[in-house]
Amino acid sequence: MIDFAGISLPFSANDLLIAGVRLLAIVGGLILLQMSFNIFAKLSNLINNALYYSGRVKNEYGERHVSPWKEKVMQFNNETYHKVFNRKEYKRWQEYEKSGKKWYDHL
């Protein structure tokens, strides 16, 4: 074991703690400032891309942009909607025909 009884320092533990906290405050402030710049850049890109790809903002040629992915999703939704809707309507029409009711009976 090392004996530190003969060593005297020009500062106390309290002074060391205060200096560490002050250094942490300065460095922490700079780190937070850098993080805020990074977050601001990412948020501005996110908003700009959201507006651009939603078609609300026109490009330099005056055209509204629709991403190829969004186009495919819209096309897929359209096709599946019509397939499902037509299938349901056809099934409903078959049941109506079997029941012997007319379309104007409920009026």
C-alpha atoms as a PDB file:
ATOM      1  CA  MET A   1       0.000   0.000   0.000  1.00  0.00           C
ATOM      2  CA  ILE A   2       1.236   3.487  -0.811  1.00  0.00           C
ATOM      3  CA  ASP A   3       1.435   6.065   1.962  1.00  0.00           C
ATOM      4  CA  PHE A   4       0.267   9.541   0.870  1.00  0.00           C
ATOM      5  CA  ALA A   5       0.637  11.120   4.311  1.00  0.00           C
ATOM      6  CA  GLY A   6       3.867  12.937   3.403  1.00  0.00           C
ATOM      7  CA  ILE A   7       2.453  14.508   0.221  1.00  0.00           C
ATOM      8  CA  SER A   8       0.931  17.961   0.378  1.00  0.00           C
ATOM      9  CA  LEU A   9      -0.964  19.418  -2.580  1.00  0.00           C
ATOM     10  CA  PRO A  10      -1.723  23.104  -3.271  1.00  0.00           C
ATOM     11  CA  PHE A  11      -5.440  22.284  -3.744  1.00  0.00           C
ATOM     12  CA  SER A  12      -8.062  20.353  -1.890  1.00  0.00           C
ATOM     13  CA  ALA A  13     -10.551  17.756  -3.096  1.00  0.00           C
ATOM     14  CA  ASN A  14     -13.241  20.439  -3.107  1.00  0.00           C
ATOM     15  CA  ASP A  15     -11.171  22.609  -5.492  1.00  0.00           C
ATOM     16  CA  LEU A  16     -10.603  19.624  -7.773  1.00  0.00           C
ATOM     17  CA  LEU A  17     -14.322  18.867  -7.856  1.00  0.00           C
ATOM     18  CA  ILE A  18     -15.257  22.488  -8.640  1.00  0.00           C
ATOM     19  CA  ALA A  19     -12.698  22.641 -11.488  1.00  0.00           C
ATOM     20  CA  GLY A  20     -14.028  19.384 -12.953  1.00  0.00           C
ATOM     21  CA  VAL A  21     -17.617  20.610 -12.882  1.00  0.00           C
ATOM     22  CA  ARG A  22     -16.643  23.906 -14.558  1.00  0.00           C
ATOM     23  CA  LEU A  23     -14.720  22.064 -17.279  1.00  0.00           C
ATOM     24  CA  LEU A  24     -17.679  19.753 -17.813  1.00  0.00           C
ATOM     25  CA  ALA A  25     -19.999  22.776 -18.131  1.00  0.00           C
ATOM     26  CA  ILE A  26     -17.810  24.362 -20.821  1.00  0.00           C
ATOM     27  CA  VAL A  27     -17.231  21.164 -22.801  1.00  0.00           C
ATOM     28  CA  GLY A  28     -20.849  20.045 -22.360  1.00  0.00           C
ATOM     29  CA  GLY A  29     -22.128  23.355 -23.712  1.00  0.00           C
ATOM     30  CA  LEU A  30     -19.970  23.031 -26.815  1.00  0.00           C
ATOM     31  CA  ILE A  31     -21.100  19.447 -27.361  1.00  0.00           C
ATOM     32  CA  LEU A  32     -24.756  20.466 -27.034  1.00  0.00           C
ATOM     33  CA  LEU A  33     -24.211  23.305 -29.509  1.00  0.00           C
ATOM     34  CA  GLN A  34     -22.718  20.897 -32.053  1.00  0.00           C
ATOM     35  CA  MET A  35     -25.571  18.431 -31.522  1.00  0.00           C
ATOM     36  CA  SER A  36     -28.136  21.193 -32.063  1.00  0.00           C
ATOM     37  CA  PHE A  37     -26.531  22.089 -35.415  1.00  0.00           C
ATOM     38  CA  ASN A  38     -26.623  18.442 -36.505  1.00  0.00           C
ATOM     39  CA  ILE A  39     -30.236  17.995 -35.436  1.00  0.00           C
ATOM     40  CA  PHE A  40     -31.299  21.238 -37.148  1.00  0.00           C
ATOM     41  CA  ALA A  41     -29.694  20.119 -40.428  1.00  0.00           C
ATOM     42  CA  LYS A  42     -31.406  16.722 -40.262  1.00  0.00           C
ATOM     43  CA  LEU A  43     -34.794  18.225 -39.388  1.00  0.00           C
ATOM     44  CA  SER A  44     -34.592  20.780 -42.200  1.00  0.00           C
ATOM     45  CA  ASN A  45     -33.729  18.002 -44.684  1.00  0.00           C
ATOM     46  CA  LEU A  46     -36.599  15.904 -43.346  1.00  0.00           C
ATOM     47  CA  ILE A  47     -39.112  18.734 -43.787  1.00  0.00           C
ATOM     48  CA  ASN A  48     -37.815  19.691 -47.232  1.00  0.00           C
ATOM     49  CA  ASN A  49     -37.916  16.087 -48.458  1.00  0.00           C
ATOM     50  CA  ALA A  50     -41.378  15.547 -47.000  1.00  0.00           C
ATOM     51  CA  LEU A  51     -42.723  18.594 -48.806  1.00  0.00           C
ATOM     52  CA  TYR A  52     -40.911  17.749 -52.036  1.00  0.00           C
ATOM     53  CA  TYR A  53     -41.959  14.105 -52.161  1.00  0.00           C
ATOM     54  CA  SER A  54     -45.539  14.819 -51.116  1.00  0.00           C
ATOM     55  CA  GLY A  55     -46.019  16.859 -54.281  1.00  0.00           C
ATOM     56  CA  ARG A  56     -46.850  20.098 -52.481  1.00  0.00           C
ATOM     57  CA  VAL A  57     -43.716  21.857 -53.665  1.00  0.00           C
ATOM     58  CA  LYS A  58     -42.940  22.330 -57.343  1.00  0.00           C
ATOM     59  CA  ASN A  59     -39.483  21.740 -58.734  1.00  0.00           C
ATOM     60  CA  GLU A  60     -37.582  24.235 -60.890  1.00  0.00           C
ATOM     61  CA  TYR A  61     -39.611  23.216 -63.972  1.00  0.00           C
ATOM     62  CA  GLY A  62     -42.939  23.849 -62.259  1.00  0.00           C
ATOM     63  CA  GLU A  63     -43.803  20.156 -61.953  1.00  0.00           C
ATOM     64  CA  ARG A  64     -44.983  18.443 -58.835  1.00  0.00           C
ATOM     65  CA  HIS A  65     -42.860  15.469 -57.851  1.00  0.00           C
ATOM     66  CA  VAL A  66     -44.199  12.014 -57.056  1.00  0.00           C
ATOM     67  CA  SER A  67     -41.593   9.489 -56.010  1.00  0.00           C
ATOM     68  CA  PRO A  68     -41.487   6.188 -57.904  1.00  0.00           C
ATOM     69  CA  TRP A  69     -42.100   4.333 -54.646  1.00  0.00           C
ATOM     70  CA  LYS A  70     -45.224   6.396 -53.925  1.00  0.00           C
ATOM     71  CA  GLU A  71     -46.395   5.866 -57.499  1.00  0.00           C
ATOM     72  CA  LYS A  72     -46.075   2.080 -57.124  1.00  0.00           C
ATOM     73  CA  VAL A  73     -47.881   2.115 -53.785  1.00  0.00           C
ATOM     74  CA  MET A  74     -50.713   4.215 -55.216  1.00  0.00           C
ATOM     75  CA  GLN A  75     -50.995   1.913 -58.227  1.00  0.00           C
ATOM     76  CA  PHE A  76     -50.988  -1.194 -56.014  1.00  0.00           C
ATOM     77  CA  ASN A  77     -53.625   0.285 -53.700  1.00  0.00           C
ATOM     78  CA  ASN A  78     -55.782   1.225 -56.673  1.00  0.00           C
ATOM     79  CA  GLU A  79     -55.589  -2.256 -58.189  1.00  0.00           C
ATOM     80  CA  THR A  80     -56.215  -4.117 -54.950  1.00  0.00           C
ATOM     81  CA  TYR A  81     -59.040  -1.756 -54.008  1.00  0.00           C
ATOM     82  CA  HIS A  82     -60.815  -2.380 -57.288  1.00  0.00           C
ATOM     83  CA  LYS A  83     -60.284  -6.129 -57.097  1.00  0.00           C
ATOM     84  CA  VAL A  84     -61.603  -6.353 -53.552  1.00  0.00           C
ATOM     85  CA  PHE A  85     -64.420  -3.893 -54.153  1.00  0.00           C
ATOM     86  CA  ASN A  86     -65.572  -5.679 -57.293  1.00  0.00           C
ATOM     87  CA  ARG A  87     -65.372  -9.083 -55.602  1.00  0.00           C
ATOM     88  CA  LYS A  88     -67.439  -7.871 -52.663  1.00  0.00           C
ATOM     89  CA  GLU A  89     -69.960  -6.194 -54.932  1.00  0.00           C
ATOM     90  CA  TYR A  90     -70.268  -9.304 -57.073  1.00  0.00           C
ATOM     91  CA  LYS A  91     -70.818 -11.494 -54.016  1.00  0.00           C
ATOM     92  CA  ARG A  92     -73.415  -9.059 -52.667  1.00  0.00           C
ATOM     93  CA  TRP A  93     -75.163  -9.011 -56.043  1.00  0.00           C
ATOM     94  CA  GLN A  94     -75.251 -12.828 -56.110  1.00  0.00           C
ATOM     95  CA  GLU A  95     -76.811 -12.943 -52.643  1.00  0.00           C
ATOM     96  CA  TYR A  96     -79.327 -10.316 -53.692  1.00  0.00           C
ATOM     97  CA  GLU A  97     -80.272 -12.325 -56.765  1.00  0.00           C
ATOM     98  CA  LYS A  98     -80.738 -15.510 -54.719  1.00  0.00           C
ATOM     99  CA  SER A  99     -82.938 -13.755 -52.177  1.00  0.00           C
ATOM    100  CA  GLY A 100     -85.386 -12.613 -54.869  1.00  0.00           C
ATOM    101  CA  LYS A 101     -85.340  -9.005 -53.655  1.00  0.00           C
ATOM    102  CA  LYS A 102     -85.163  -6.063 -55.992  1.00  0.00           C
ATOM    103  CA  TRP A 103     -82.776  -3.169 -55.573  1.00  0.00           C
ATOM    104  CA  TYR A 104     -85.669  -0.749 -55.012  1.00  0.00           C
ATOM    105  CA  ASP A 105     -87.409  -2.792 -52.272  1.00  0.00           C
ATOM    106  CA  HIS A 106     -85.702  -0.912 -49.459  1.00  0.00           C
ATOM    107  CA  LEU A 107     -86.845   2.513 -50.743  1.00  0.00           C
END
